[in-house]
Amino acid sequence: MTTVLDQLVNELRAERGPVRSSDLAHRIGVSEPALDGMISVLTAKGVLSASSDVTEGEAIACSGVACGATCVGLDACPFIANVPDTYTLVVDQAVPLPGLGRAVEQ
């Protein structure tokens, strides 16, 4: 029997580049909040590795001096972007999944 976590790992293996969480959630038939929880489980178990870039997932803004006197403030600044969290699938290890009593081979 294939679990939803197995489906998620298989989808991630099949991807050869970035994938939006909304697309991934739709493919495996779960909500985005449920997908976030599964990503947390897989990250805790070492199946996924969170990015080590400290700017990932954070709001990035200009230095505040580039605009000078024309600065419109952070709420309206066109130079602010929210960078999504990124994860990498860890390969070549068997990772036990909680409650399943077995390992997923990668």
N, C-alpha and C. Protein backbone atom coordinates (compact mmCIF):
# COMPACT_ATOMS: atom_id res chain seq x y z
N MET A 1 0.84 -1.18 0.00
CA MET A 1 0.00 0.00 0.00
C MET A 1 0.89 1.24 0.00
N THR A 2 0.59 2.17 -0.88
CA THR A 2 1.36 3.41 -0.97
C THR A 2 0.70 4.48 -0.11
N THR A 3 1.47 5.05 0.80
CA THR A 3 0.95 6.11 1.66
C THR A 3 1.08 7.46 0.96
N VAL A 4 0.45 8.47 1.53
CA VAL A 4 0.56 9.82 0.98
C VAL A 4 2.00 10.33 1.08
N LEU A 5 2.70 9.96 2.17
CA LEU A 5 4.10 10.35 2.28
C LEU A 5 4.94 9.69 1.19
N ASP A 6 4.63 8.42 0.87
CA ASP A 6 5.31 7.75 -0.23
C ASP A 6 5.04 8.48 -1.55
N GLN A 7 3.78 8.87 -1.77
CA GLN A 7 3.42 9.60 -2.99
C GLN A 7 4.19 10.91 -3.07
N LEU A 8 4.30 11.61 -1.95
CA LEU A 8 5.02 12.87 -1.92
C LEU A 8 6.49 12.66 -2.29
N VAL A 9 7.13 11.67 -1.67
CA VAL A 9 8.54 11.39 -1.98
C VAL A 9 8.70 11.01 -3.45
N ASN A 10 7.79 10.20 -3.97
CA ASN A 10 7.85 9.81 -5.39
C ASN A 10 7.69 11.01 -6.32
N GLU A 11 6.77 11.91 -5.98
CA GLU A 11 6.60 13.13 -6.79
C GLU A 11 7.86 13.99 -6.76
N LEU A 12 8.46 14.10 -5.59
CA LEU A 12 9.68 14.90 -5.47
C LEU A 12 10.83 14.25 -6.24
N ARG A 13 10.90 12.93 -6.22
CA ARG A 13 11.93 12.23 -7.01
C ARG A 13 11.74 12.47 -8.50
N ALA A 14 10.49 12.51 -8.94
CA ALA A 14 10.19 12.68 -10.36
C ALA A 14 10.49 14.09 -10.86
N GLU A 15 10.43 15.06 -9.96
CA GLU A 15 10.70 16.46 -10.32
C GLU A 15 12.18 16.65 -10.56
N ARG A 16 12.50 17.40 -11.57
CA ARG A 16 13.91 17.69 -11.86
C ARG A 16 14.23 19.16 -11.63
N GLY A 17 13.38 19.84 -10.89
CA GLY A 17 13.58 21.24 -10.61
C GLY A 17 12.57 21.70 -9.58
N PRO A 18 12.46 23.00 -9.40
CA PRO A 18 11.52 23.54 -8.42
C PRO A 18 10.07 23.18 -8.76
N VAL A 19 9.27 23.03 -7.74
CA VAL A 19 7.84 22.78 -7.91
C VAL A 19 7.10 23.61 -6.87
N ARG A 20 6.00 24.21 -7.29
CA ARG A 20 5.19 25.00 -6.36
C ARG A 20 4.45 24.08 -5.40
N SER A 21 4.36 24.51 -4.16
CA SER A 21 3.68 23.68 -3.17
C SER A 21 2.21 23.48 -3.54
N SER A 22 1.58 24.48 -4.13
CA SER A 22 0.17 24.32 -4.52
C SER A 22 0.01 23.24 -5.59
N ASP A 23 0.95 23.18 -6.55
CA ASP A 23 0.89 22.14 -7.58
C ASP A 23 1.14 20.77 -6.98
N LEU A 24 2.11 20.69 -6.09
CA LEU A 24 2.45 19.42 -5.46
C LEU A 24 1.30 18.91 -4.60
N ALA A 25 0.68 19.81 -3.84
CA ALA A 25 -0.47 19.43 -3.01
C ALA A 25 -1.61 18.89 -3.89
N HIS A 26 -1.85 19.55 -5.01
CA HIS A 26 -2.91 19.11 -5.92
C HIS A 26 -2.60 17.72 -6.49
N ARG A 27 -1.34 17.49 -6.87
CA ARG A 27 -0.95 16.20 -7.46
C ARG A 27 -1.17 15.03 -6.51
N ILE A 28 -0.91 15.24 -5.22
CA ILE A 28 -1.06 14.11 -4.29
C ILE A 28 -2.40 14.15 -3.55
N GLY A 29 -3.21 15.16 -3.85
CA GLY A 29 -4.57 15.20 -3.32
C GLY A 29 -4.70 15.62 -1.87
N VAL A 30 -3.87 16.59 -1.45
CA VAL A 30 -3.95 17.09 -0.08
C VAL A 30 -4.01 18.62 -0.11
N SER A 31 -4.38 19.20 1.02
CA SER A 31 -4.38 20.66 1.13
C SER A 31 -2.95 21.15 1.33
N GLU A 32 -2.71 22.43 1.08
CA GLU A 32 -1.38 22.99 1.30
C GLU A 32 -0.96 22.93 2.77
N PRO A 33 -1.86 23.20 3.74
CA PRO A 33 -1.45 23.03 5.14
C PRO A 33 -1.05 21.59 5.47
N ALA A 34 -1.76 20.61 4.89
CA ALA A 34 -1.39 19.21 5.10
C ALA A 34 -0.02 18.92 4.49
N LEU A 35 0.22 19.48 3.31
CA LEU A 35 1.53 19.31 2.66
C LEU A 35 2.64 19.91 3.51
N ASP A 36 2.39 21.08 4.10
CA ASP A 36 3.38 21.71 4.99
C ASP A 36 3.73 20.77 6.15
N GLY A 37 2.72 20.13 6.71
CA GLY A 37 2.96 19.19 7.80
C GLY A 37 3.78 17.99 7.35
N MET A 38 3.48 17.48 6.16
CA MET A 38 4.23 16.34 5.64
C MET A 38 5.67 16.74 5.35
N ILE A 39 5.88 17.94 4.83
CA ILE A 39 7.24 18.43 4.58
C ILE A 39 8.00 18.54 5.90
N SER A 40 7.33 18.99 6.95
CA SER A 40 7.97 19.07 8.26
C SER A 40 8.39 17.69 8.76
N VAL A 41 7.52 16.70 8.59
CA VAL A 41 7.83 15.33 9.01
C VAL A 41 9.02 14.80 8.21
N LEU A 42 8.99 14.98 6.89
CA LEU A 42 10.08 14.47 6.06
C LEU A 42 11.40 15.20 6.32
N THR A 43 11.32 16.47 6.67
CA THR A 43 12.53 17.22 7.02
C THR A 43 13.08 16.71 8.35
N ALA A 44 12.22 16.49 9.33
CA ALA A 44 12.65 15.98 10.64
C ALA A 44 13.27 14.59 10.52
N LYS A 45 12.78 13.80 9.58
CA LYS A 45 13.29 12.44 9.40
C LYS A 45 14.51 12.38 8.48
N GLY A 46 14.90 13.53 7.91
CA GLY A 46 16.09 13.56 7.06
C GLY A 46 15.85 13.22 5.60
N VAL A 47 14.58 13.05 5.21
CA VAL A 47 14.27 12.78 3.80
C VAL A 47 14.43 14.06 2.98
N LEU A 48 14.08 15.18 3.58
CA LEU A 48 14.26 16.49 2.96
C LEU A 48 15.25 17.29 3.78
N SER A 49 15.97 18.15 3.10
CA SER A 49 16.91 19.04 3.78
C SER A 49 16.47 20.47 3.49
N ALA A 50 16.29 21.25 4.56
CA ALA A 50 15.92 22.66 4.39
C ALA A 50 17.13 23.43 3.90
N SER A 51 16.87 24.48 3.15
CA SER A 51 17.96 25.31 2.64
C SER A 51 18.74 25.92 3.79
N SER A 52 20.04 26.01 3.62
CA SER A 52 20.87 26.63 4.65
C SER A 52 21.07 28.12 4.39
N ASP A 53 20.49 28.63 3.31
CA ASP A 53 20.60 30.06 3.00
C ASP A 53 19.70 30.83 3.96
N VAL A 54 20.30 31.69 4.78
CA VAL A 54 19.53 32.39 5.81
C VAL A 54 18.52 33.37 5.23
N THR A 55 18.65 33.76 3.97
CA THR A 55 17.70 34.70 3.39
C THR A 55 16.48 33.99 2.80
N GLU A 56 16.52 32.68 2.68
CA GLU A 56 15.39 31.96 2.09
C GLU A 56 14.21 31.99 3.04
N GLY A 57 13.05 32.29 2.52
CA GLY A 57 11.84 32.33 3.32
C GLY A 57 11.65 33.64 4.07
N GLU A 58 12.58 34.53 3.98
CA GLU A 58 12.49 35.81 4.67
C GLU A 58 12.14 36.91 3.68
N ALA A 59 11.64 38.01 4.19
CA ALA A 59 11.39 39.17 3.35
C ALA A 59 12.72 39.85 3.05
N ILE A 60 12.92 40.17 1.80
CA ILE A 60 14.16 40.83 1.39
C ILE A 60 13.80 42.25 0.99
N ALA A 61 14.51 43.21 1.48
CA ALA A 61 14.21 44.61 1.18
C ALA A 61 15.48 45.33 0.74
N CYS A 62 15.27 46.46 0.12
CA CYS A 62 16.42 47.29 -0.24
C CYS A 62 17.07 47.82 1.03
N SER A 63 18.22 48.42 0.88
CA SER A 63 18.98 48.88 2.04
C SER A 63 18.35 50.08 2.73
N GLY A 64 17.42 50.73 2.08
CA GLY A 64 16.81 51.91 2.67
C GLY A 64 17.52 53.19 2.28
N VAL A 65 18.65 53.07 1.63
CA VAL A 65 19.37 54.27 1.21
C VAL A 65 19.34 54.45 -0.30
N ALA A 66 19.03 53.41 -1.05
CA ALA A 66 19.05 53.50 -2.50
C ALA A 66 17.99 54.47 -3.04
N CYS A 67 16.85 54.55 -2.39
CA CYS A 67 15.78 55.42 -2.86
C CYS A 67 15.95 56.86 -2.37
N GLY A 68 16.70 57.01 -1.31
CA GLY A 68 16.93 58.35 -0.77
C GLY A 68 15.64 59.00 -0.31
N ALA A 69 15.44 60.23 -0.70
CA ALA A 69 14.28 61.01 -0.26
C ALA A 69 12.97 60.51 -0.87
N THR A 70 13.04 59.66 -1.91
CA THR A 70 11.83 59.19 -2.57
C THR A 70 11.31 57.88 -1.99
N CYS A 71 11.90 57.42 -0.88
CA CYS A 71 11.48 56.15 -0.25
C CYS A 71 10.00 56.23 0.13
N VAL A 72 9.24 55.19 -0.28
CA VAL A 72 7.81 55.15 0.00
C VAL A 72 7.48 54.35 1.25
N GLY A 73 8.49 53.78 1.89
CA GLY A 73 8.28 52.98 3.10
C GLY A 73 8.15 51.51 2.78
N LEU A 74 8.31 50.68 3.80
CA LEU A 74 8.33 49.23 3.59
C LEU A 74 7.01 48.67 3.07
N ASP A 75 5.88 49.24 3.51
CA ASP A 75 4.58 48.69 3.10
C ASP A 75 4.32 48.85 1.60
N ALA A 76 4.88 49.88 0.98
CA ALA A 76 4.63 50.13 -0.44
C ALA A 76 5.88 49.92 -1.30
N CYS A 77 6.97 49.49 -0.71
CA CYS A 77 8.24 49.36 -1.43
C CYS A 77 8.16 48.27 -2.51
N PRO A 78 8.50 48.61 -3.75
CA PRO A 78 8.47 47.61 -4.83
C PRO A 78 9.67 46.67 -4.80
N PHE A 79 10.62 46.90 -3.91
CA PHE A 79 11.82 46.08 -3.86
C PHE A 79 11.76 44.98 -2.80
N ILE A 80 10.59 44.79 -2.19
CA ILE A 80 10.43 43.75 -1.18
C ILE A 80 9.84 42.51 -1.85
N ALA A 81 10.41 41.39 -1.54
CA ALA A 81 9.91 40.12 -2.06
C ALA A 81 9.98 39.08 -0.96
N ASN A 82 8.97 38.24 -0.89
CA ASN A 82 9.01 37.10 0.04
C ASN A 82 9.56 35.91 -0.73
N VAL A 83 10.68 35.43 -0.29
CA VAL A 83 11.33 34.30 -0.94
C VAL A 83 10.77 33.03 -0.32
N PRO A 84 10.31 32.09 -1.16
CA PRO A 84 9.72 30.87 -0.59
C PRO A 84 10.77 29.97 0.06
N ASP A 85 10.32 29.18 1.04
CA ASP A 85 11.20 28.18 1.64
C ASP A 85 11.55 27.15 0.57
N THR A 86 12.75 26.65 0.61
CA THR A 86 13.16 25.62 -0.34
C THR A 86 13.72 24.42 0.41
N TYR A 87 13.52 23.25 -0.17
CA TYR A 87 13.97 21.99 0.41
C TYR A 87 14.62 21.16 -0.69
N THR A 88 15.54 20.31 -0.29
CA THR A 88 16.20 19.41 -1.22
C THR A 88 15.93 17.98 -0.77
N LEU A 89 15.61 17.11 -1.74
CA LEU A 89 15.40 15.71 -1.44
C LEU A 89 16.75 15.06 -1.19
N VAL A 90 16.90 14.42 -0.03
CA VAL A 90 18.14 13.74 0.32
C VAL A 90 18.10 12.36 -0.35
N VAL A 91 19.18 11.98 -1.00
CA VAL A 91 19.19 10.71 -1.75
C VAL A 91 20.11 9.69 -1.10
N ASP A 92 19.94 8.44 -1.51
CA ASP A 92 20.80 7.32 -1.12
C ASP A 92 20.79 7.01 0.37
N GLN A 93 19.63 7.00 0.96
CA GLN A 93 19.52 6.53 2.34
C GLN A 93 18.10 6.04 2.57
N ALA A 94 17.96 5.12 3.48
CA ALA A 94 16.64 4.64 3.87
C ALA A 94 16.24 5.40 5.12
N VAL A 95 15.06 5.98 5.10
CA VAL A 95 14.61 6.79 6.21
C VAL A 95 13.32 6.20 6.77
N PRO A 96 13.30 5.85 8.06
CA PRO A 96 12.07 5.32 8.65
C PRO A 96 11.02 6.42 8.77
N LEU A 97 9.82 6.12 8.33
CA LEU A 97 8.73 7.08 8.44
C LEU A 97 7.92 6.76 9.68
N PRO A 98 7.45 7.80 10.38
CA PRO A 98 6.74 7.59 11.64
C PRO A 98 5.47 6.78 11.46
N GLY A 99 5.30 5.81 12.32
CA GLY A 99 4.07 5.03 12.33
C GLY A 99 3.97 3.98 11.25
N LEU A 100 4.95 3.91 10.37
CA LEU A 100 4.85 2.96 9.27
C LEU A 100 5.70 1.72 9.52
N GLY A 101 6.68 1.83 10.42
CA GLY A 101 7.52 0.69 10.74
C GLY A 101 8.36 0.21 9.58
N ARG A 102 8.58 1.06 8.61
CA ARG A 102 9.41 0.68 7.48
C ARG A 102 10.15 1.90 6.99
N ALA A 103 11.06 1.66 6.08
CA ALA A 103 11.87 2.76 5.55
C ALA A 103 11.51 3.02 4.10
N VAL A 104 11.66 4.25 3.68
CA VAL A 104 11.50 4.61 2.28
C VAL A 104 12.88 4.62 1.67
N GLU A 105 13.11 3.80 0.67
CA GLU A 105 14.39 3.78 -0.02
C GLU A 105 14.42 4.93 -1.00
N GLN A 106 15.55 5.62 -1.03
CA GLN A 106 15.67 6.77 -1.93
C GLN A 106 16.66 6.48 -3.01
